[in-house]
């Protein structure tokens, strides 16, 4: 076992392949570049049946999204680059 925490490189500079992961909600906005099988950005506190902010599949070219503060991010079978949004 390598001890590598999946998703760490994705939160730095280089895109990282991630088979499946849910990134917990954070207190500040994040930016993501993604291509792969599934990306979902959702409010973990929303009621059942609430529409997700983003729920897309089979993305073949990098797409760019903002993950608002308080929202979680789910990715499956994709390349991810996740960064904190800088204050404007």
C-alpha atoms as a PDB file:
ATOM      1  CA  UNK A   1       0.000   0.000   0.000  1.00  0.00           C
ATOM      2  CA  UNK A   2       1.519   3.318  -1.063  1.00  0.00           C
ATOM      3  CA  UNK A   3      -0.149   5.560   1.504  1.00  0.00           C
ATOM      4  CA  UNK A   4      -1.097   7.960  -1.294  1.00  0.00           C
ATOM      5  CA  UNK A   5      -4.319   9.811  -0.620  1.00  0.00           C
ATOM      6  CA  UNK A   6      -6.366   9.778  -3.796  1.00  0.00           C
ATOM      7  CA  UNK A   7      -7.346  13.260  -4.887  1.00  0.00           C
ATOM      8  CA  UNK A   8      -4.325  15.041  -3.374  1.00  0.00           C
ATOM      9  CA  UNK A   9      -2.594  15.767  -6.704  1.00  0.00           C
ATOM     10  CA  UNK A  10      -5.945  16.833  -8.132  1.00  0.00           C
ATOM     11  CA  UNK A  11      -6.064  19.553  -5.489  1.00  0.00           C
ATOM     12  CA  UNK A  12      -2.640  20.830  -6.511  1.00  0.00           C
ATOM     13  CA  UNK A  13      -1.344  21.628 -10.007  1.00  0.00           C
ATOM     14  CA  UNK A  14      -1.580  18.557 -12.259  1.00  0.00           C
ATOM     15  CA  UNK A  15      -4.783  16.792 -13.317  1.00  0.00           C
ATOM     16  CA  UNK A  16      -5.124  13.421 -11.603  1.00  0.00           C
ATOM     17  CA  UNK A  17      -7.096  10.349 -12.648  1.00  0.00           C
ATOM     18  CA  UNK A  18      -9.700   9.476 -10.021  1.00  0.00           C
ATOM     19  CA  UNK A  19     -11.777   6.283 -10.354  1.00  0.00           C
ATOM     20  CA  UNK A  20     -14.449   7.516  -7.892  1.00  0.00           C
ATOM     21  CA  UNK A  21     -14.497  10.050  -5.076  1.00  0.00           C
ATOM     22  CA  UNK A  22     -16.757  12.475  -3.244  1.00  0.00           C
ATOM     23  CA  UNK A  23     -14.960  15.660  -2.201  1.00  0.00           C
ATOM     24  CA  UNK A  24     -16.641  17.020   0.929  1.00  0.00           C
ATOM     25  CA  UNK A  25     -18.142  20.500   1.062  1.00  0.00           C
ATOM     26  CA  UNK A  26     -15.719  23.254   2.065  1.00  0.00           C
ATOM     27  CA  UNK A  27     -16.061  26.789   3.414  1.00  0.00           C
ATOM     28  CA  UNK A  28     -14.778  28.462   0.247  1.00  0.00           C
ATOM     29  CA  UNK A  29     -15.445  28.185  -3.477  1.00  0.00           C
ATOM     30  CA  UNK A  30     -13.325  25.823  -5.558  1.00  0.00           C
ATOM     31  CA  UNK A  31     -12.664  25.582  -9.285  1.00  0.00           C
ATOM     32  CA  UNK A  32     -12.524  22.278 -11.134  1.00  0.00           C
ATOM     33  CA  UNK A  33     -11.347  21.202 -14.560  1.00  0.00           C
ATOM     34  CA  UNK A  34     -12.869  17.794 -15.370  1.00  0.00           C
ATOM     35  CA  UNK A  35     -13.261  15.235 -18.127  1.00  0.00           C
ATOM     36  CA  UNK A  36     -14.592  11.746 -17.593  1.00  0.00           C
ATOM     37  CA  UNK A  37     -17.633   9.605 -16.916  1.00  0.00           C
ATOM     38  CA  UNK A  38     -19.494  11.694 -14.288  1.00  0.00           C
ATOM     39  CA  UNK A  39     -19.324  14.988 -12.433  1.00  0.00           C
ATOM     40  CA  UNK A  40     -21.949  16.011  -9.894  1.00  0.00           C
ATOM     41  CA  UNK A  41     -21.954  19.200  -7.796  1.00  0.00           C
ATOM     42  CA  UNK A  42     -24.642  19.191  -5.132  1.00  0.00           C
ATOM     43  CA  UNK A  43     -25.732  20.687  -1.840  1.00  0.00           C
ATOM     44  CA  UNK A  44     -25.437  17.927   0.771  1.00  0.00           C
ATOM     45  CA  UNK A  45     -28.065  19.695   2.903  1.00  0.00           C
ATOM     46  CA  UNK A  46     -30.665  19.924   0.139  1.00  0.00           C
ATOM     47  CA  UNK A  47     -33.838  17.929   0.472  1.00  0.00           C
ATOM     48  CA  UNK A  48     -34.472  14.738  -1.437  1.00  0.00           C
ATOM     49  CA  UNK A  49     -35.544  15.423  -5.012  1.00  0.00           C
ATOM     50  CA  UNK A  50     -33.635  18.717  -5.188  1.00  0.00           C
ATOM     51  CA  UNK A  51     -31.903  19.184  -8.527  1.00  0.00           C
ATOM     52  CA  UNK A  52     -28.087  19.084  -8.487  1.00  0.00           C
ATOM     53  CA  UNK A  53     -26.181  22.192  -9.551  1.00  0.00           C
ATOM     54  CA  UNK A  54     -24.255  20.073 -12.097  1.00  0.00           C
ATOM     55  CA  UNK A  55     -24.952  16.448 -13.080  1.00  0.00           C
ATOM     56  CA  UNK A  56     -23.219  15.548 -16.352  1.00  0.00           C
ATOM     57  CA  UNK A  57     -21.891  12.363 -17.909  1.00  0.00           C
ATOM     58  CA  UNK A  58     -19.449  11.310 -20.624  1.00  0.00           C
ATOM     59  CA  UNK A  59     -17.467  14.548 -20.895  1.00  0.00           C
ATOM     60  CA  UNK A  60     -14.723  14.050 -23.510  1.00  0.00           C
ATOM     61  CA  UNK A  61     -12.955  17.432 -23.267  1.00  0.00           C
ATOM     62  CA  UNK A  62     -12.028  19.401 -20.163  1.00  0.00           C
ATOM     63  CA  UNK A  63     -14.955  21.407 -18.810  1.00  0.00           C
ATOM     64  CA  UNK A  64     -14.541  24.055 -16.103  1.00  0.00           C
ATOM     65  CA  UNK A  65     -16.894  24.583 -13.162  1.00  0.00           C
ATOM     66  CA  UNK A  66     -17.103  26.493  -9.897  1.00  0.00           C
ATOM     67  CA  UNK A  67     -17.984  24.437  -6.833  1.00  0.00           C
ATOM     68  CA  UNK A  68     -19.678  26.925  -4.475  1.00  0.00           C
ATOM     69  CA  UNK A  69     -18.838  26.959  -0.775  1.00  0.00           C
ATOM     70  CA  UNK A  70     -20.960  24.386   1.052  1.00  0.00           C
ATOM     71  CA  UNK A  71     -21.381  22.128  -2.006  1.00  0.00           C
ATOM     72  CA  UNK A  72     -19.850  18.687  -2.408  1.00  0.00           C
ATOM     73  CA  UNK A  73     -18.323  17.306  -5.573  1.00  0.00           C
ATOM     74  CA  UNK A  74     -18.596  13.754  -6.895  1.00  0.00           C
ATOM     75  CA  UNK A  75     -16.444  12.469  -9.751  1.00  0.00           C
ATOM     76  CA  UNK A  76     -16.349   9.030 -11.346  1.00  0.00           C
ATOM     77  CA  UNK A  77     -13.782   7.720 -13.819  1.00  0.00           C
ATOM     78  CA  UNK A  78     -12.289  11.080 -14.698  1.00  0.00           C
ATOM     79  CA  UNK A  79      -9.341  13.453 -14.826  1.00  0.00           C
ATOM     80  CA  UNK A  80      -9.583  16.197 -12.218  1.00  0.00           C
ATOM     81  CA  UNK A  81      -7.757  19.411 -11.381  1.00  0.00           C
ATOM     82  CA  UNK A  82      -9.300  21.056  -8.311  1.00  0.00           C
ATOM     83  CA  UNK A  83      -8.149  24.422  -6.939  1.00  0.00           C
ATOM     84  CA  UNK A  84      -9.345  26.920  -4.364  1.00  0.00           C
ATOM     85  CA  UNK A  85     -10.920  30.042  -5.845  1.00  0.00           C
ATOM     86  CA  UNK A  86      -8.860  33.136  -5.203  1.00  0.00           C
ATOM     87  CA  UNK A  87     -10.552  36.042  -3.459  1.00  0.00           C
ATOM     88  CA  UNK A  88     -11.555  38.781  -5.865  1.00  0.00           C
END
